[in-house]
Amino acid sequence: MKTKILNTRERKQLFEKLSKIYGITANEMKGMFIESGKRKIRYFTGSLPREELAGLAQELNIDTIGMYIIALENFHGELRPRLSFDAVSLLRNKIKKQVIELDEKQAKKWLKGESLIIEMTKAQGIDENVGLLVLKYKNDLIGCGKFSIQEKDGKKLVKITNFVPKQVRSTLL
Protein backbone atom coordinates (compact mmCIF):
# COMPACT_ATOMS: atom_id res chain seq x y z
CA MET A 1 0.00 0.00 0.00
CA LYS A 2 1.39 3.40 -1.01
CA THR A 3 2.13 5.83 1.82
CA LYS A 4 2.73 9.51 1.07
CA ILE A 5 3.52 12.45 3.34
CA LEU A 6 1.50 15.48 2.23
CA ASN A 7 3.66 18.31 0.97
CA THR A 8 3.07 21.98 1.82
CA ARG A 9 0.70 22.57 -1.12
CA GLU A 10 -1.36 19.44 -0.39
CA ARG A 11 -1.49 20.31 3.31
CA LYS A 12 -2.68 23.84 2.45
CA GLN A 13 -5.42 22.43 0.19
CA LEU A 14 -6.52 20.02 2.94
CA PHE A 15 -6.74 22.85 5.48
CA GLU A 16 -8.67 25.07 3.09
CA LYS A 17 -11.33 22.33 3.01
CA LEU A 18 -11.14 21.68 6.79
CA SER A 19 -11.54 25.41 7.44
CA LYS A 20 -14.42 25.81 4.98
CA ILE A 21 -16.33 22.77 6.29
CA TYR A 22 -15.49 22.60 10.01
CA GLY A 23 -13.73 25.89 10.87
CA ILE A 24 -10.44 24.09 11.69
CA THR A 25 -7.34 26.16 10.88
CA ALA A 26 -3.85 24.99 9.92
CA ASN A 27 -2.10 26.60 12.89
CA GLU A 28 -4.09 24.31 15.22
CA MET A 29 -2.39 21.12 13.95
CA LYS A 30 1.41 21.02 13.77
CA GLY A 31 2.12 17.37 12.89
CA MET A 32 2.60 15.58 9.57
CA PHE A 33 -0.27 14.35 7.44
CA ILE A 34 0.21 11.00 5.74
CA GLU A 35 -2.04 9.67 2.99
CA SER A 36 -2.34 5.90 3.10
CA GLY A 37 -4.76 3.33 1.85
CA LYS A 38 -7.86 4.32 -0.04
CA ARG A 39 -8.08 8.09 0.46
CA LYS A 40 -7.33 7.92 4.18
CA ILE A 41 -5.22 10.50 5.96
CA ARG A 42 -3.33 9.88 9.18
CA TYR A 43 -1.85 12.47 11.59
CA PHE A 44 1.64 11.97 13.05
CA THR A 45 3.16 14.13 15.78
CA GLY A 46 6.11 11.93 16.74
CA SER A 47 9.78 12.92 16.82
CA LEU A 48 10.77 11.02 13.66
CA PRO A 49 11.97 13.54 11.04
CA ARG A 50 10.06 13.82 7.78
CA GLU A 51 12.97 12.47 5.69
CA GLU A 52 13.36 9.35 7.86
CA LEU A 53 9.64 8.72 7.86
CA ALA A 54 9.51 9.06 4.05
CA GLY A 55 12.48 6.68 3.72
CA LEU A 56 10.83 4.09 5.97
CA ALA A 57 7.60 4.40 4.02
CA GLN A 58 9.45 3.53 0.80
CA GLU A 59 11.39 0.64 2.35
CA LEU A 60 8.59 -0.92 4.41
CA ASN A 61 4.87 -1.38 4.10
CA ILE A 62 3.86 1.25 6.63
CA ASP A 63 0.11 1.65 6.86
CA THR A 64 -0.53 2.43 10.50
CA ILE A 65 1.83 5.21 11.49
CA GLY A 66 -0.01 8.05 13.16
CA MET A 67 -3.69 8.34 13.97
CA TYR A 68 -6.36 7.85 11.30
CA ILE A 69 -8.22 11.16 11.19
CA ILE A 70 -9.72 11.75 7.73
CA ALA A 71 -11.42 9.85 4.93
CA LEU A 72 -11.65 11.75 1.67
CA GLU A 73 -15.25 11.35 0.47
CA ASN A 74 -16.36 12.00 -3.09
CA PHE A 75 -19.14 14.59 -3.38
CA HIS A 76 -20.12 15.25 -6.98
CA GLY A 77 -16.54 14.87 -8.19
CA GLU A 78 -14.90 16.79 -5.33
CA LEU A 79 -13.01 15.08 -2.51
CA ARG A 80 -14.07 16.40 0.91
CA PRO A 81 -12.59 15.47 4.30
CA ARG A 82 -14.85 13.42 6.59
CA LEU A 83 -13.45 13.37 10.11
CA SER A 84 -12.96 9.98 11.74
CA PHE A 85 -14.60 9.12 15.05
CA ASP A 86 -11.27 9.66 16.86
CA ALA A 87 -10.56 12.92 15.03
CA VAL A 88 -13.85 14.38 16.23
CA SER A 89 -12.67 13.76 19.82
CA LEU A 90 -9.15 15.03 19.14
CA LEU A 91 -10.42 18.22 17.47
CA ARG A 92 -13.49 18.81 19.66
CA ASN A 93 -12.35 22.29 20.72
CA LYS A 94 -11.39 23.30 17.18
CA ILE A 95 -14.56 22.32 15.28
CA LYS A 96 -16.68 25.45 14.85
CA LYS A 97 -18.94 24.69 11.85
CA GLN A 98 -21.37 22.03 10.62
CA VAL A 99 -22.31 20.89 14.14
CA ILE A 100 -25.79 19.55 14.82
CA GLU A 101 -27.25 18.94 18.29
CA LEU A 102 -28.95 15.59 18.92
CA ASP A 103 -31.42 14.63 21.61
CA GLU A 104 -30.84 11.57 23.81
CA LYS A 105 -32.88 9.19 21.63
CA GLN A 106 -31.02 10.24 18.48
CA ALA A 107 -27.63 10.05 20.22
CA LYS A 108 -28.35 6.49 21.41
CA LYS A 109 -29.32 5.43 17.88
CA TRP A 110 -26.17 7.05 16.48
CA LEU A 111 -23.85 5.38 19.00
CA LYS A 112 -25.45 2.01 18.21
CA GLY A 113 -24.33 2.50 14.60
CA GLU A 114 -27.67 3.48 13.10
CA SER A 115 -28.07 6.23 10.53
CA LEU A 116 -30.45 9.07 11.37
CA ILE A 117 -33.24 10.96 9.66
CA ILE A 118 -34.12 14.29 11.28
CA GLU A 119 -36.15 17.34 10.29
CA MET A 120 -34.21 20.14 8.65
CA THR A 121 -35.55 22.63 11.22
CA LYS A 122 -33.33 20.90 13.81
CA ALA A 123 -30.33 21.32 11.50
CA GLN A 124 -30.31 25.12 11.40
CA GLY A 125 -26.95 26.66 10.58
CA ILE A 126 -25.87 23.66 8.50
CA ASP A 127 -24.65 24.34 4.97
CA GLU A 128 -26.75 21.97 2.84
CA ASN A 129 -24.15 21.92 0.05
CA VAL A 130 -21.30 20.54 2.18
CA GLY A 131 -22.65 17.01 2.69
CA LEU A 132 -20.81 16.48 6.00
CA LEU A 133 -21.62 17.35 9.60
CA VAL A 134 -20.49 16.69 13.16
CA LEU A 135 -22.96 15.35 15.71
CA LYS A 136 -23.15 16.67 19.25
CA TYR A 137 -24.96 15.38 22.32
CA LYS A 138 -24.92 17.68 25.36
CA ASN A 139 -21.25 18.76 25.62
CA ASP A 140 -19.78 15.87 23.62
CA LEU A 141 -19.07 15.53 19.92
CA ILE A 142 -20.01 11.94 19.06
CA GLY A 143 -19.11 11.51 15.41
CA CYS A 144 -19.10 12.80 11.88
CA GLY A 145 -21.63 11.82 9.24
CA LYS A 146 -22.29 12.20 5.58
CA PHE A 147 -25.73 13.70 4.90
CA SER A 148 -28.23 14.28 2.16
CA ILE A 149 -31.46 16.30 2.06
CA GLN A 150 -34.72 14.56 1.22
CA GLU A 151 -38.26 15.86 0.82
CA LYS A 152 -41.17 13.92 2.33
CA ASP A 153 -44.73 15.12 2.87
CA GLY A 154 -43.65 18.73 2.27
CA LYS A 155 -40.91 18.54 4.94
CA LYS A 156 -37.17 18.74 4.43
CA LEU A 157 -35.42 15.79 6.07
CA VAL A 158 -31.71 15.29 6.70
CA LYS A 159 -30.49 11.70 6.26
CA ILE A 160 -27.18 11.22 8.11
CA THR A 161 -25.08 8.16 7.26
CA ASN A 162 -23.35 6.63 10.28
CA PHE A 163 -19.59 5.95 10.32
CA VAL A 164 -19.17 5.03 14.02
CA PRO A 165 -16.66 2.14 14.05
CA LYS A 166 -18.08 -1.22 15.12
CA GLN A 167 -15.58 -1.53 17.98
CA VAL A 168 -16.86 1.67 19.64
CA ARG A 169 -20.57 1.23 19.06
CA SER A 170 -22.38 1.14 22.33
CA THR A 171 -25.66 0.13 23.86
CA LEU A 172 -25.02 2.62 26.66
CA LEU A 173 -25.13 6.40 26.80
C-alpha atoms as a PDB file:
ATOM      1  CA  MET A   1       0.000   0.000   0.000  1.00  0.00           C
ATOM      2  CA  LYS A   2       1.389   3.401  -1.007  1.00  0.00           C
ATOM      3  CA  THR A   3       2.131   5.833   1.816  1.00  0.00           C
ATOM      4  CA  LYS A   4       2.727   9.509   1.070  1.00  0.00           C
ATOM      5  CA  ILE A   5       3.516  12.447   3.339  1.00  0.00           C
ATOM      6  CA  LEU A   6       1.496  15.476   2.232  1.00  0.00           C
ATOM      7  CA  ASN A   7       3.661  18.314   0.968  1.00  0.00           C
ATOM      8  CA  THR A   8       3.067  21.982   1.815  1.00  0.00           C
ATOM      9  CA  ARG A   9       0.701  22.567  -1.121  1.00  0.00           C
ATOM     10  CA  GLU A  10      -1.358  19.443  -0.386  1.00  0.00           C
ATOM     11  CA  ARG A  11      -1.490  20.306   3.314  1.00  0.00           C
ATOM     12  CA  LYS A  12      -2.682  23.839   2.450  1.00  0.00           C
ATOM     13  CA  GLN A  13      -5.420  22.435   0.188  1.00  0.00           C
ATOM     14  CA  LEU A  14      -6.524  20.023   2.938  1.00  0.00           C
ATOM     15  CA  PHE A  15      -6.742  22.854   5.480  1.00  0.00           C
ATOM     16  CA  GLU A  16      -8.674  25.067   3.088  1.00  0.00           C
ATOM     17  CA  LYS A  17     -11.328  22.327   3.015  1.00  0.00           C
ATOM     18  CA  LEU A  18     -11.142  21.682   6.788  1.00  0.00           C
ATOM     19  CA  SER A  19     -11.543  25.409   7.437  1.00  0.00           C
ATOM     20  CA  LYS A  20     -14.424  25.808   4.976  1.00  0.00           C
ATOM     21  CA  ILE A  21     -16.328  22.774   6.291  1.00  0.00           C
ATOM     22  CA  TYR A  22     -15.488  22.599  10.013  1.00  0.00           C
ATOM     23  CA  GLY A  23     -13.734  25.885  10.869  1.00  0.00           C
ATOM     24  CA  ILE A  24     -10.440  24.090  11.695  1.00  0.00           C
ATOM     25  CA  THR A  25      -7.340  26.163  10.878  1.00  0.00           C
ATOM     26  CA  ALA A  26      -3.847  24.995   9.921  1.00  0.00           C
ATOM     27  CA  ASN A  27      -2.101  26.599  12.887  1.00  0.00           C
ATOM     28  CA  GLU A  28      -4.086  24.313  15.216  1.00  0.00           C
ATOM     29  CA  MET A  29      -2.391  21.124  13.952  1.00  0.00           C
ATOM     30  CA  LYS A  30       1.410  21.024  13.770  1.00  0.00           C
ATOM     31  CA  GLY A  31       2.118  17.367  12.888  1.00  0.00           C
ATOM     32  CA  MET A  32       2.601  15.576   9.573  1.00  0.00           C
ATOM     33  CA  PHE A  33      -0.266  14.348   7.437  1.00  0.00           C
ATOM     34  CA  ILE A  34       0.210  10.996   5.741  1.00  0.00           C
ATOM     35  CA  GLU A  35      -2.038   9.672   2.989  1.00  0.00           C
ATOM     36  CA  SER A  36      -2.342   5.903   3.101  1.00  0.00           C
ATOM     37  CA  GLY A  37      -4.763   3.329   1.854  1.00  0.00           C
ATOM     38  CA  LYS A  38      -7.861   4.324  -0.036  1.00  0.00           C
ATOM     39  CA  ARG A  39      -8.079   8.086   0.459  1.00  0.00           C
ATOM     40  CA  LYS A  40      -7.332   7.923   4.182  1.00  0.00           C
ATOM     41  CA  ILE A  41      -5.216  10.499   5.965  1.00  0.00           C
ATOM     42  CA  ARG A  42      -3.329   9.882   9.181  1.00  0.00           C
ATOM     43  CA  TYR A  43      -1.854  12.468  11.588  1.00  0.00           C
ATOM     44  CA  PHE A  44       1.639  11.968  13.046  1.00  0.00           C
ATOM     45  CA  THR A  45       3.156  14.132  15.785  1.00  0.00           C
ATOM     46  CA  GLY A  46       6.112  11.928  16.744  1.00  0.00           C
ATOM     47  CA  SER A  47       9.777  12.918  16.821  1.00  0.00           C
ATOM     48  CA  LEU A  48      10.766  11.019  13.661  1.00  0.00           C
ATOM     49  CA  PRO A  49      11.968  13.543  11.039  1.00  0.00           C
ATOM     50  CA  ARG A  50      10.062  13.825   7.777  1.00  0.00           C
ATOM     51  CA  GLU A  51      12.966  12.467   5.693  1.00  0.00           C
ATOM     52  CA  GLU A  52      13.364   9.347   7.858  1.00  0.00           C
ATOM     53  CA  LEU A  53       9.635   8.719   7.859  1.00  0.00           C
ATOM     54  CA  ALA A  54       9.513   9.062   4.053  1.00  0.00           C
ATOM     55  CA  GLY A  55      12.479   6.678   3.725  1.00  0.00           C
ATOM     56  CA  LEU A  56      10.833   4.095   5.965  1.00  0.00           C
ATOM     57  CA  ALA A  57       7.599   4.396   4.016  1.00  0.00           C
ATOM     58  CA  GLN A  58       9.453   3.534   0.795  1.00  0.00           C
ATOM     59  CA  GLU A  59      11.388   0.640   2.355  1.00  0.00           C
ATOM     60  CA  LEU A  60       8.595  -0.920   4.405  1.00  0.00           C
ATOM     61  CA  ASN A  61       4.869  -1.382   4.098  1.00  0.00           C
ATOM     62  CA  ILE A  62       3.859   1.248   6.632  1.00  0.00           C
ATOM     63  CA  ASP A  63       0.111   1.647   6.857  1.00  0.00           C
ATOM     64  CA  THR A  64      -0.531   2.432  10.495  1.00  0.00           C
ATOM     65  CA  ILE A  65       1.825   5.213  11.488  1.00  0.00           C
ATOM     66  CA  GLY A  66      -0.008   8.054  13.163  1.00  0.00           C
ATOM     67  CA  MET A  67      -3.691   8.336  13.968  1.00  0.00           C
ATOM     68  CA  TYR A  68      -6.355   7.852  11.299  1.00  0.00           C
ATOM     69  CA  ILE A  69      -8.221  11.163  11.186  1.00  0.00           C
ATOM     70  CA  ILE A  70      -9.721  11.755   7.731  1.00  0.00           C
ATOM     71  CA  ALA A  71     -11.419   9.846   4.934  1.00  0.00           C
ATOM     72  CA  LEU A  72     -11.650  11.747   1.675  1.00  0.00           C
ATOM     73  CA  GLU A  73     -15.251  11.349   0.469  1.00  0.00           C
ATOM     74  CA  ASN A  74     -16.365  12.001  -3.094  1.00  0.00           C
ATOM     75  CA  PHE A  75     -19.142  14.589  -3.381  1.00  0.00           C
ATOM     76  CA  HIS A  76     -20.121  15.249  -6.978  1.00  0.00           C
ATOM     77  CA  GLY A  77     -16.538  14.869  -8.193  1.00  0.00           C
ATOM     78  CA  GLU A  78     -14.902  16.787  -5.330  1.00  0.00           C
ATOM     79  CA  LEU A  79     -13.012  15.079  -2.509  1.00  0.00           C
ATOM     80  CA  ARG A  80     -14.073  16.405   0.908  1.00  0.00           C
ATOM     81  CA  PRO A  81     -12.592  15.470   4.303  1.00  0.00           C
ATOM     82  CA  ARG A  82     -14.854  13.423   6.594  1.00  0.00           C
ATOM     83  CA  LEU A  83     -13.448  13.374  10.113  1.00  0.00           C
ATOM     84  CA  SER A  84     -12.961   9.981  11.737  1.00  0.00           C
ATOM     85  CA  PHE A  85     -14.598   9.123  15.046  1.00  0.00           C
ATOM     86  CA  ASP A  86     -11.271   9.661  16.859  1.00  0.00           C
ATOM     87  CA  ALA A  87     -10.555  12.920  15.026  1.00  0.00           C
ATOM     88  CA  VAL A  88     -13.847  14.382  16.233  1.00  0.00           C
ATOM     89  CA  SER A  89     -12.672  13.765  19.816  1.00  0.00           C
ATOM     90  CA  LEU A  90      -9.152  15.033  19.138  1.00  0.00           C
ATOM     91  CA  LEU A  91     -10.417  18.219  17.471  1.00  0.00           C
ATOM     92  CA  ARG A  92     -13.487  18.812  19.661  1.00  0.00           C
ATOM     93  CA  ASN A  93     -12.348  22.294  20.721  1.00  0.00           C
ATOM     94  CA  LYS A  94     -11.385  23.298  17.175  1.00  0.00           C
ATOM     95  CA  ILE A  95     -14.563  22.318  15.282  1.00  0.00           C
ATOM     96  CA  LYS A  96     -16.675  25.446  14.845  1.00  0.00           C
ATOM     97  CA  LYS A  97     -18.939  24.694  11.850  1.00  0.00           C
ATOM     98  CA  GLN A  98     -21.368  22.032  10.621  1.00  0.00           C
ATOM     99  CA  VAL A  99     -22.310  20.886  14.145  1.00  0.00           C
ATOM    100  CA  ILE A 100     -25.793  19.552  14.825  1.00  0.00           C
ATOM    101  CA  GLU A 101     -27.254  18.939  18.288  1.00  0.00           C
ATOM    102  CA  LEU A 102     -28.951  15.588  18.924  1.00  0.00           C
ATOM    103  CA  ASP A 103     -31.425  14.633  21.606  1.00  0.00           C
ATOM    104  CA  GLU A 104     -30.844  11.573  23.812  1.00  0.00           C
ATOM    105  CA  LYS A 105     -32.881   9.190  21.634  1.00  0.00           C
ATOM    106  CA  GLN A 106     -31.022  10.242  18.477  1.00  0.00           C
ATOM    107  CA  ALA A 107     -27.630  10.050  20.223  1.00  0.00           C
ATOM    108  CA  LYS A 108     -28.350   6.487  21.411  1.00  0.00           C
ATOM    109  CA  LYS A 109     -29.320   5.429  17.876  1.00  0.00           C
ATOM    110  CA  TRP A 110     -26.168   7.048  16.483  1.00  0.00           C
ATOM    111  CA  LEU A 111     -23.850   5.381  19.000  1.00  0.00           C
ATOM    112  CA  LYS A 112     -25.446   2.011  18.209  1.00  0.00           C
ATOM    113  CA  GLY A 113     -24.329   2.503  14.602  1.00  0.00           C
ATOM    114  CA  GLU A 114     -27.673   3.484  13.100  1.00  0.00           C
ATOM    115  CA  SER A 115     -28.067   6.226  10.528  1.00  0.00           C
ATOM    116  CA  LEU A 116     -30.454   9.069  11.371  1.00  0.00           C
ATOM    117  CA  ILE A 117     -33.245  10.962   9.655  1.00  0.00           C
ATOM    118  CA  ILE A 118     -34.123  14.293  11.279  1.00  0.00           C
ATOM    119  CA  GLU A 119     -36.150  17.340  10.292  1.00  0.00           C
ATOM    120  CA  MET A 120     -34.209  20.144   8.648  1.00  0.00           C
ATOM    121  CA  THR A 121     -35.547  22.629  11.222  1.00  0.00           C
ATOM    122  CA  LYS A 122     -33.330  20.901  13.806  1.00  0.00           C
ATOM    123  CA  ALA A 123     -30.326  21.322  11.501  1.00  0.00           C
ATOM    124  CA  GLN A 124     -30.308  25.118  11.396  1.00  0.00           C
ATOM    125  CA  GLY A 125     -26.947  26.659  10.582  1.00  0.00           C
ATOM    126  CA  ILE A 126     -25.869  23.663   8.499  1.00  0.00           C
ATOM    127  CA  ASP A 127     -24.646  24.341   4.967  1.00  0.00           C
ATOM    128  CA  GLU A 128     -26.748  21.970   2.841  1.00  0.00           C
ATOM    129  CA  ASN A 129     -24.147  21.918   0.052  1.00  0.00           C
ATOM    130  CA  VAL A 130     -21.305  20.535   2.184  1.00  0.00           C
ATOM    131  CA  GLY A 131     -22.648  17.010   2.695  1.00  0.00           C
ATOM    132  CA  LEU A 132     -20.808  16.482   6.003  1.00  0.00           C
ATOM    133  CA  LEU A 133     -21.616  17.348   9.598  1.00  0.00           C
ATOM    134  CA  VAL A 134     -20.491  16.690  13.165  1.00  0.00           C
ATOM    135  CA  LEU A 135     -22.962  15.348  15.709  1.00  0.00           C
ATOM    136  CA  LYS A 136     -23.155  16.669  19.252  1.00  0.00           C
ATOM    137  CA  TYR A 137     -24.962  15.378  22.318  1.00  0.00           C
ATOM    138  CA  LYS A 138     -24.916  17.681  25.358  1.00  0.00           C
ATOM    139  CA  ASN A 139     -21.252  18.755  25.624  1.00  0.00           C
ATOM    140  CA  ASP A 140     -19.778  15.867  23.619  1.00  0.00           C
ATOM    141  CA  LEU A 141     -19.075  15.526  19.917  1.00  0.00           C
ATOM    142  CA  ILE A 142     -20.014  11.941  19.061  1.00  0.00           C
ATOM    143  CA  GLY A 143     -19.111  11.514  15.412  1.00  0.00           C
ATOM    144  CA  CYS A 144     -19.103  12.801  11.876  1.00  0.00           C
ATOM    145  CA  GLY A 145     -21.632  11.816   9.237  1.00  0.00           C
ATOM    146  CA  LYS A 146     -22.295  12.204   5.582  1.00  0.00           C
ATOM    147  CA  PHE A 147     -25.726  13.700   4.901  1.00  0.00           C
ATOM    148  CA  SER A 148     -28.232  14.284   2.165  1.00  0.00           C
ATOM    149  CA  ILE A 149     -31.455  16.302   2.060  1.00  0.00           C
ATOM    150  CA  GLN A 150     -34.717  14.558   1.219  1.00  0.00           C
ATOM    151  CA  GLU A 151     -38.264  15.864   0.818  1.00  0.00           C
ATOM    152  CA  LYS A 152     -41.168  13.925   2.329  1.00  0.00           C
ATOM    153  CA  ASP A 153     -44.728  15.122   2.868  1.00  0.00           C
ATOM    154  CA  GLY A 154     -43.653  18.728   2.273  1.00  0.00           C
ATOM    155  CA  LYS A 155     -40.909  18.538   4.939  1.00  0.00           C
ATOM    156  CA  LYS A 156     -37.174  18.736   4.430  1.00  0.00           C
ATOM    157  CA  LEU A 157     -35.419  15.794   6.072  1.00  0.00           C
ATOM    158  CA  VAL A 158     -31.706  15.288   6.700  1.00  0.00           C
ATOM    159  CA  LYS A 159     -30.494  11.702   6.264  1.00  0.00           C
ATOM    160  CA  ILE A 160     -27.181  11.219   8.114  1.00  0.00           C
ATOM    161  CA  THR A 161     -25.084   8.160   7.260  1.00  0.00           C
ATOM    162  CA  ASN A 162     -23.351   6.633  10.278  1.00  0.00           C
ATOM    163  CA  PHE A 163     -19.592   5.953  10.323  1.00  0.00           C
ATOM    164  CA  VAL A 164     -19.167   5.031  14.025  1.00  0.00           C
ATOM    165  CA  PRO A 165     -16.657   2.141  14.053  1.00  0.00           C
ATOM    166  CA  LYS A 166     -18.083  -1.222  15.124  1.00  0.00           C
ATOM    167  CA  GLN A 167     -15.583  -1.534  17.978  1.00  0.00           C
ATOM    168  CA  VAL A 168     -16.861   1.668  19.635  1.00  0.00           C
ATOM    169  CA  ARG A 169     -20.566   1.229  19.060  1.00  0.00           C
ATOM    170  CA  SER A 170     -22.379   1.137  22.329  1.00  0.00           C
ATOM    171  CA  THR A 171     -25.660   0.127  23.858  1.00  0.00           C
ATOM    172  CA  LEU A 172     -25.023   2.622  26.657  1.00  0.00           C
ATOM    173  CA  LEU A 173     -25.135   6.400  26.799  1.00  0.00           C
END
